[in-house]
Amino acid sequence: QPAWSGRLRITAKGKIAFIKLEDKTSGELFAQAPVEQFPGIAVESVTDSSRYFVIRIEDGNGRRAFIGVGFVDRGDAFDFNVALQDHFKWVRQQSELAKQAQNPDQGPKLDLGFKEGQTIKLNIANMKKKEGATGNTRPRPAGPGGLSLLPPPPGGKSSAPVCPSGERPSSLSAPTQLPGTPITDSLLSWPQPAAAPSAAAADVWGDFAKASG
């Protein structure tokens, strides 16, 4: 049978958390307990239950009293415990940040420089390497005697005829001899007319009138 029942709220002002017991209808303050650290003497949990705590209330005039507080629902007791833990976790983080701001040289330094031999690779879409720039590494065909030959200029006509795909090249006729340009190549000489067969060659068998010896 509790001596008083109402609403419990946890508020914070700076680093101090305040546990306030209020009337659940009017919101009138019944008692409050300032908490400077947790866990500590201001809030203690009992050993045989997770729903009951002992808190130290103060009236602001120096008078203090220890009272027992119990929750009907176990989930409310869990929220009460977690709320105090989160507040003082935030307090510790703030104090650590303040120390690092006062002494920035004591913290670990972040080295963003490249190590020796370290490289990075960037993948940029729709970017092609320009040929003819300083990074051109296309090998040039070597001519006789070790001389490098320049590639043909772009757009130039090739000396060899190129047939479209799917078409067969037709037989090339002999070139027409132009005035003043005699043809000396034996491969392109005009075909000679076939010699007329001689009478002896045409009459190789002769007449079979009689058989010889």
C-alpha atoms as a PDB file:
ATOM      1  CA  GLN A   1       0.000   0.000   0.000  1.00  0.00           C
ATOM      2  CA  PRO A   2       1.902   3.107  -1.179  1.00  0.00           C
ATOM      3  CA  ALA A   3       1.711   6.268   0.929  1.00  0.00           C
ATOM      4  CA  TRP A   4       1.522   8.371  -2.226  1.00  0.00           C
ATOM      5  CA  SER A   5       1.073   7.642  -5.929  1.00  0.00           C
ATOM      6  CA  GLY A   6       1.542  10.002  -8.846  1.00  0.00           C
ATOM      7  CA  ARG A   7       3.656  10.767 -11.905  1.00  0.00           C
ATOM      8  CA  LEU A   8       7.457  10.616 -12.146  1.00  0.00           C
ATOM      9  CA  ARG A   9       9.396  12.791 -14.613  1.00  0.00           C
ATOM     10  CA  ILE A  10      13.117  13.176 -15.234  1.00  0.00           C
ATOM     11  CA  THR A  11      14.401  16.578 -16.321  1.00  0.00           C
ATOM     12  CA  ALA A  12      17.917  17.905 -16.745  1.00  0.00           C
ATOM     13  CA  LYS A  13      19.529  21.289 -16.170  1.00  0.00           C
ATOM     14  CA  GLY A  14      23.143  21.326 -17.261  1.00  0.00           C
ATOM     15  CA  LYS A  15      24.879  18.267 -15.878  1.00  0.00           C
ATOM     16  CA  ILE A  16      22.360  17.611 -13.084  1.00  0.00           C
ATOM     17  CA  ALA A  17      19.286  15.431 -13.579  1.00  0.00           C
ATOM     18  CA  PHE A  18      16.176  15.990 -11.468  1.00  0.00           C
ATOM     19  CA  ILE A  19      13.729  13.243 -10.534  1.00  0.00           C
ATOM     20  CA  LYS A  20      10.384  14.953  -9.973  1.00  0.00           C
ATOM     21  CA  LEU A  21       7.381  13.364  -8.299  1.00  0.00           C
ATOM     22  CA  GLU A  22       4.228  15.196  -9.392  1.00  0.00           C
ATOM     23  CA  ASP A  23       0.524  14.879  -8.948  1.00  0.00           C
ATOM     24  CA  LYS A  24      -0.807  12.999 -11.968  1.00  0.00           C
ATOM     25  CA  THR A  25      -3.858  15.273 -12.265  1.00  0.00           C
ATOM     26  CA  SER A  26      -2.745  18.784 -11.379  1.00  0.00           C
ATOM     27  CA  GLY A  27       1.013  18.400 -11.986  1.00  0.00           C
ATOM     28  CA  GLU A  28       1.809  19.877  -8.533  1.00  0.00           C
ATOM     29  CA  LEU A  29       5.322  19.001  -7.347  1.00  0.00           C
ATOM     30  CA  PHE A  30       5.337  16.562  -4.468  1.00  0.00           C
ATOM     31  CA  ALA A  31       9.122  16.053  -4.120  1.00  0.00           C
ATOM     32  CA  GLN A  32      12.250  16.090  -6.240  1.00  0.00           C
ATOM     33  CA  ALA A  33      15.653  14.453  -6.072  1.00  0.00           C
ATOM     34  CA  PRO A  34      18.668  16.087  -7.762  1.00  0.00           C
ATOM     35  CA  VAL A  35      21.066  13.494  -9.222  1.00  0.00           C
ATOM     36  CA  GLU A  36      24.671  14.553  -9.813  1.00  0.00           C
ATOM     37  CA  GLN A  37      25.986  11.110 -10.774  1.00  0.00           C
ATOM     38  CA  PHE A  38      24.572   7.716 -11.621  1.00  0.00           C
ATOM     39  CA  PRO A  39      24.947   5.187 -10.214  1.00  0.00           C
ATOM     40  CA  GLY A  40      25.384   7.025  -6.932  1.00  0.00           C
ATOM     41  CA  ILE A  41      23.872   7.662  -3.536  1.00  0.00           C
ATOM     42  CA  ALA A  42      21.014   9.751  -4.953  1.00  0.00           C
ATOM     43  CA  VAL A  43      19.477   6.745  -6.756  1.00  0.00           C
ATOM     44  CA  GLU A  44      19.952   3.128  -5.722  1.00  0.00           C
ATOM     45  CA  SER A  45      18.172   0.016  -6.927  1.00  0.00           C
ATOM     46  CA  VAL A  46      17.108  -2.677  -4.491  1.00  0.00           C
ATOM     47  CA  THR A  47      18.743  -6.080  -4.634  1.00  0.00           C
ATOM     48  CA  ASP A  48      15.687  -8.292  -4.932  1.00  0.00           C
ATOM     49  CA  SER A  49      13.606  -6.477  -7.557  1.00  0.00           C
ATOM     50  CA  SER A  50      14.078  -4.435 -10.731  1.00  0.00           C
ATOM     51  CA  ARG A  51      10.922  -2.335 -10.115  1.00  0.00           C
ATOM     52  CA  TYR A  52      11.974  -0.646  -6.849  1.00  0.00           C
ATOM     53  CA  PHE A  53      14.505   2.092  -6.096  1.00  0.00           C
ATOM     54  CA  VAL A  54      15.606   4.261  -3.196  1.00  0.00           C
ATOM     55  CA  ILE A  55      15.958   7.966  -4.024  1.00  0.00           C
ATOM     56  CA  ARG A  56      17.208  10.881  -1.930  1.00  0.00           C
ATOM     57  CA  ILE A  57      14.785  13.809  -2.075  1.00  0.00           C
ATOM     58  CA  GLU A  58      15.638  17.384  -1.063  1.00  0.00           C
ATOM     59  CA  ASP A  59      13.430  20.360  -0.284  1.00  0.00           C
ATOM     60  CA  GLY A  60      15.949  23.070  -1.281  1.00  0.00           C
ATOM     61  CA  ASN A  61      16.523  24.193   2.337  1.00  0.00           C
ATOM     62  CA  GLY A  62      19.126  21.552   3.168  1.00  0.00           C
ATOM     63  CA  ARG A  63      16.708  18.884   4.383  1.00  0.00           C
ATOM     64  CA  ARG A  64      17.020  15.434   2.773  1.00  0.00           C
ATOM     65  CA  ALA A  65      15.132  12.171   3.083  1.00  0.00           C
ATOM     66  CA  PHE A  66      15.411   8.710   1.569  1.00  0.00           C
ATOM     67  CA  ILE A  67      12.191   7.242   0.207  1.00  0.00           C
ATOM     68  CA  GLY A  68      11.364   4.081  -1.650  1.00  0.00           C
ATOM     69  CA  VAL A  69       9.837   4.315  -5.117  1.00  0.00           C
ATOM     70  CA  GLY A  70       8.220   1.404  -6.928  1.00  0.00           C
ATOM     71  CA  PHE A  71       6.789   1.042 -10.443  1.00  0.00           C
ATOM     72  CA  VAL A  72       3.747  -1.039 -11.235  1.00  0.00           C
ATOM     73  CA  ASP A  73       5.003  -1.829 -14.741  1.00  0.00           C
ATOM     74  CA  ARG A  74       8.450  -3.346 -15.199  1.00  0.00           C
ATOM     75  CA  GLY A  75       8.833  -1.482 -18.519  1.00  0.00           C
ATOM     76  CA  ASP A  76       8.485   1.893 -16.756  1.00  0.00           C
ATOM     77  CA  ALA A  77      11.244   0.903 -14.336  1.00  0.00           C
ATOM     78  CA  PHE A  78      13.454   0.004 -17.282  1.00  0.00           C
ATOM     79  CA  ASP A  79      12.790   3.383 -18.944  1.00  0.00           C
ATOM     80  CA  PHE A  80      13.616   5.169 -15.680  1.00  0.00           C
ATOM     81  CA  ASN A  81      16.954   3.404 -15.445  1.00  0.00           C
ATOM     82  CA  VAL A  82      17.834   3.984 -19.127  1.00  0.00           C
ATOM     83  CA  ALA A  83      16.906   7.680 -18.998  1.00  0.00           C
ATOM     84  CA  LEU A  84      19.398   8.284 -16.198  1.00  0.00           C
ATOM     85  CA  GLN A  85      22.103   6.285 -17.992  1.00  0.00           C
ATOM     86  CA  ASP A  86      21.644   8.250 -21.241  1.00  0.00           C
ATOM     87  CA  HIS A  87      21.885  11.592 -19.463  1.00  0.00           C
ATOM     88  CA  PHE A  88      25.136  10.833 -17.704  1.00  0.00           C
ATOM     89  CA  LYS A  89      26.571   9.213 -20.810  1.00  0.00           C
ATOM     90  CA  TRP A  90      25.969  12.539 -22.556  1.00  0.00           C
ATOM     91  CA  VAL A  91      27.634  14.343 -19.631  1.00  0.00           C
ATOM     92  CA  ARG A  92      30.778  12.209 -19.990  1.00  0.00           C
ATOM     93  CA  GLN A  93      30.927  12.848 -23.732  1.00  0.00           C
ATOM     94  CA  GLN A  94      30.652  16.588 -23.217  1.00  0.00           C
ATOM     95  CA  SER A  95      33.458  16.586 -20.678  1.00  0.00           C
ATOM     96  CA  GLU A  96      35.707  14.594 -23.023  1.00  0.00           C
ATOM     97  CA  LEU A  97      35.019  16.991 -25.890  1.00  0.00           C
ATOM     98  CA  ALA A  98      35.836  19.936 -23.657  1.00  0.00           C
ATOM     99  CA  LYS A  99      39.182  18.372 -22.685  1.00  0.00           C
ATOM    100  CA  GLN A 100      40.066  17.724 -26.327  1.00  0.00           C
ATOM    101  CA  ALA A 101      39.213  21.325 -27.224  1.00  0.00           C
ATOM    102  CA  GLN A 102      41.563  22.626 -24.520  1.00  0.00           C
ATOM    103  CA  ASN A 103      44.408  20.253 -25.438  1.00  0.00           C
ATOM    104  CA  PRO A 104      44.111  19.456 -29.157  1.00  0.00           C
ATOM    105  CA  ASP A 105      47.709  18.168 -29.380  1.00  0.00           C
ATOM    106  CA  GLN A 106      47.050  15.293 -26.974  1.00  0.00           C
ATOM    107  CA  GLY A 107      44.460  13.626 -29.205  1.00  0.00           C
ATOM    108  CA  PRO A 108      45.389  11.166 -31.934  1.00  0.00           C
ATOM    109  CA  LYS A 109      46.425  12.850 -35.142  1.00  0.00           C
ATOM    110  CA  LEU A 110      44.729  11.858 -38.359  1.00  0.00           C
ATOM    111  CA  ASP A 111      47.263  11.362 -41.134  1.00  0.00           C
ATOM    112  CA  LEU A 112      45.632  11.853 -44.537  1.00  0.00           C
ATOM    113  CA  GLY A 113      48.870  11.953 -46.549  1.00  0.00           C
ATOM    114  CA  PHE A 114      49.880   9.353 -49.104  1.00  0.00           C
ATOM    115  CA  LYS A 115      52.245   6.656 -47.970  1.00  0.00           C
ATOM    116  CA  GLU A 116      55.275   5.784 -50.075  1.00  0.00           C
ATOM    117  CA  GLY A 117      54.165   3.852 -53.133  1.00  0.00           C
ATOM    118  CA  GLN A 118      50.468   4.316 -52.359  1.00  0.00           C
ATOM    119  CA  THR A 119      48.231   5.110 -55.302  1.00  0.00           C
ATOM    120  CA  ILE A 120      44.542   5.727 -55.806  1.00  0.00           C
ATOM    121  CA  LYS A 121      42.372   4.842 -58.778  1.00  0.00           C
ATOM    122  CA  LEU A 122      39.582   7.103 -60.019  1.00  0.00           C
ATOM    123  CA  ASN A 123      36.815   5.729 -62.228  1.00  0.00           C
ATOM    124  CA  ILE A 124      35.286   8.586 -64.209  1.00  0.00           C
ATOM    125  CA  ALA A 125      32.494   7.681 -66.616  1.00  0.00           C
ATOM    126  CA  ASN A 126      32.521   8.763 -70.295  1.00  0.00           C
ATOM    127  CA  MET A 127      36.167   9.821 -70.220  1.00  0.00           C
ATOM    128  CA  LYS A 128      38.551   8.453 -72.839  1.00  0.00           C
ATOM    129  CA  LYS A 129      42.259   8.932 -73.095  1.00  0.00           C
ATOM    130  CA  LYS A 130      43.186  11.376 -75.826  1.00  0.00           C
ATOM    131  CA  GLU A 131      45.572   9.975 -78.352  1.00  0.00           C
ATOM    132  CA  GLY A 132      48.460  12.090 -79.425  1.00  0.00           C
ATOM    133  CA  ALA A 133      48.911  13.500 -75.940  1.00  0.00           C
ATOM    134  CA  THR A 134      51.936  13.010 -73.753  1.00  0.00           C
ATOM    135  CA  GLY A 135      50.633   9.659 -72.560  1.00  0.00           C
ATOM    136  CA  ASN A 136      50.381   8.106 -76.043  1.00  0.00           C
ATOM    137  CA  THR A 137      51.992   4.687 -75.939  1.00  0.00           C
ATOM    138  CA  ARG A 138      50.914   3.257 -79.312  1.00  0.00           C
ATOM    139  CA  PRO A 139      53.908   1.441 -80.855  1.00  0.00           C
ATOM    140  CA  ARG A 140      55.004   2.504 -84.303  1.00  0.00           C
ATOM    141  CA  PRO A 141      55.784  -0.124 -86.952  1.00  0.00           C
ATOM    142  CA  ALA A 142      59.494  -0.561 -87.474  1.00  0.00           C
ATOM    143  CA  GLY A 143      60.797  -0.415 -91.044  1.00  0.00           C
ATOM    144  CA  PRO A 144      63.912  -1.974 -92.488  1.00  0.00           C
ATOM    145  CA  GLY A 145      67.118  -0.956 -90.788  1.00  0.00           C
ATOM    146  CA  GLY A 146      65.375  -0.221 -87.493  1.00  0.00           C
ATOM    147  CA  LEU A 147      63.782   3.008 -88.761  1.00  0.00           C
ATOM    148  CA  SER A 148      60.384   3.765 -87.352  1.00  0.00           C
ATOM    149  CA  LEU A 149      57.715   4.470 -89.911  1.00  0.00           C
ATOM    150  CA  LEU A 150      55.030   7.022 -89.275  1.00  0.00           C
ATOM    151  CA  PRO A 151      51.488   5.747 -89.552  1.00  0.00           C
ATOM    152  CA  PRO A 152      49.469   6.992 -92.512  1.00  0.00           C
ATOM    153  CA  PRO A 153      47.620  10.247 -91.961  1.00  0.00           C
ATOM    154  CA  PRO A 154      43.970   9.936 -90.998  1.00  0.00           C
ATOM    155  CA  GLY A 155      41.602  10.056 -93.931  1.00  0.00           C
ATOM    156  CA  GLY A 156      44.237   9.110 -96.495  1.00  0.00           C
ATOM    157  CA  LYS A 157      43.492   6.718 -99.341  1.00  0.00           C
ATOM    158  CA  SER A 158      44.935   3.278 -99.046  1.00  0.00           C
ATOM    159  CA  SER A 159      46.886   1.857-101.956  1.00  0.00           C
ATOM    160  CA  ALA A 160      45.201  -1.540-101.739  1.00  0.00           C
ATOM    161  CA  PRO A 161      41.613  -1.797-102.943  1.00  0.00           C
ATOM    162  CA  VAL A 162      39.121  -2.611-100.239  1.00  0.00           C
ATOM    163  CA  CYS A 163      36.016  -4.593-101.093  1.00  0.00           C
ATOM    164  CA  PRO A 164      32.833  -4.200 -99.103  1.00  0.00           C
ATOM    165  CA  SER A 165      31.958  -7.104 -96.866  1.00  0.00           C
ATOM    166  CA  GLY A 166      29.923  -9.758 -98.607  1.00  0.00           C
ATOM    167  CA  GLU A 167      31.132  -8.883-102.115  1.00  0.00           C
ATOM    168  CA  ARG A 168      33.709 -10.833-104.102  1.00  0.00           C
ATOM    169  CA  PRO A 169      36.261  -8.918-106.121  1.00  0.00           C
ATOM    170  CA  SER A 170      35.797  -9.174-109.846  1.00  0.00           C
ATOM    171  CA  SER A 171      38.665 -10.145-112.117  1.00  0.00           C
ATOM    172  CA  LEU A 172      40.916  -7.229-112.862  1.00  0.00           C
ATOM    173  CA  SER A 173      41.488  -6.457-116.474  1.00  0.00           C
ATOM    174  CA  ALA A 174      44.919  -5.625-117.816  1.00  0.00           C
ATOM    175  CA  PRO A 175      45.758  -1.916-117.462  1.00  0.00           C
ATOM    176  CA  THR A 176      45.459   0.230-120.508  1.00  0.00           C
ATOM    177  CA  GLN A 177      48.770   1.418-121.795  1.00  0.00           C
ATOM    178  CA  LEU A 178      48.989   5.182-121.698  1.00  0.00           C
ATOM    179  CA  PRO A 179      51.126   7.162-124.105  1.00  0.00           C
ATOM    180  CA  GLY A 180      54.647   7.610-122.868  1.00  0.00           C
ATOM    181  CA  THR A 181      54.271   5.020-120.074  1.00  0.00           C
ATOM    182  CA  PRO A 182      55.458   1.675-121.468  1.00  0.00           C
ATOM    183  CA  ILE A 183      54.601  -1.366-119.446  1.00  0.00           C
ATOM    184  CA  THR A 184      57.742  -3.214-118.462  1.00  0.00           C
ATOM    185  CA  ASP A 185      56.333  -5.626-115.916  1.00  0.00           C
ATOM    186  CA  SER A 186      56.233  -9.126-117.286  1.00  0.00           C
ATOM    187  CA  LEU A 187      53.258  -9.953-115.085  1.00  0.00           C
ATOM    188  CA  LEU A 188      51.162  -7.322-116.841  1.00  0.00           C
ATOM    189  CA  SER A 189      52.183  -8.216-120.420  1.00  0.00           C
ATOM    190  CA  TRP A 190      49.520  -8.681-122.999  1.00  0.00           C
ATOM    191  CA  PRO A 191      48.569 -12.304-123.682  1.00  0.00           C
ATOM    192  CA  GLN A 192      50.160 -13.615-126.863  1.00  0.00           C
ATOM    193  CA  PRO A 193      47.929 -15.186-129.496  1.00  0.00           C
ATOM    194  CA  ALA A 194      48.057 -18.950-129.588  1.00  0.00           C
ATOM    195  CA  ALA A 195      50.188 -20.356-132.427  1.00  0.00           C
ATOM    196  CA  ALA A 196      48.302 -22.004-135.254  1.00  0.00           C
ATOM    197  CA  PRO A 197      48.643 -25.782-135.175  1.00  0.00           C
ATOM    198  CA  SER A 198      50.971 -27.041-137.838  1.00  0.00           C
ATOM    199  CA  ALA A 199      49.885 -29.552-140.393  1.00  0.00           C
ATOM    200  CA  ALA A 200      52.257 -32.164-139.009  1.00  0.00           C
ATOM    201  CA  ALA A 201      50.879 -31.759-135.527  1.00  0.00           C
ATOM    202  CA  ALA A 202      47.345 -31.970-136.845  1.00  0.00           C
ATOM    203  CA  ASP A 203      48.127 -35.175-138.777  1.00  0.00           C
ATOM    204  CA  VAL A 204      50.033 -36.978-136.093  1.00  0.00           C
ATOM    205  CA  TRP A 205      48.244 -40.279-136.614  1.00  0.00           C
ATOM    206  CA  GLY A 206      48.184 -40.137-140.377  1.00  0.00           C
ATOM    207  CA  ASP A 207      46.176 -42.628-142.359  1.00  0.00           C
ATOM    208  CA  PHE A 208      45.776 -46.115-141.132  1.00  0.00           C
ATOM    209  CA  ALA A 209      45.999 -47.503-144.632  1.00  0.00           C
ATOM    210  CA  LYS A 210      48.743 -49.934-143.832  1.00  0.00           C
ATOM    211  CA  ALA A 211      50.650 -51.033-140.790  1.00  0.00           C
ATOM    212  CA  SER A 212      54.317 -50.395-140.649  1.00  0.00           C
ATOM    213  CA  GLY A 213      56.792 -53.288-140.002  1.00  0.00           C
END
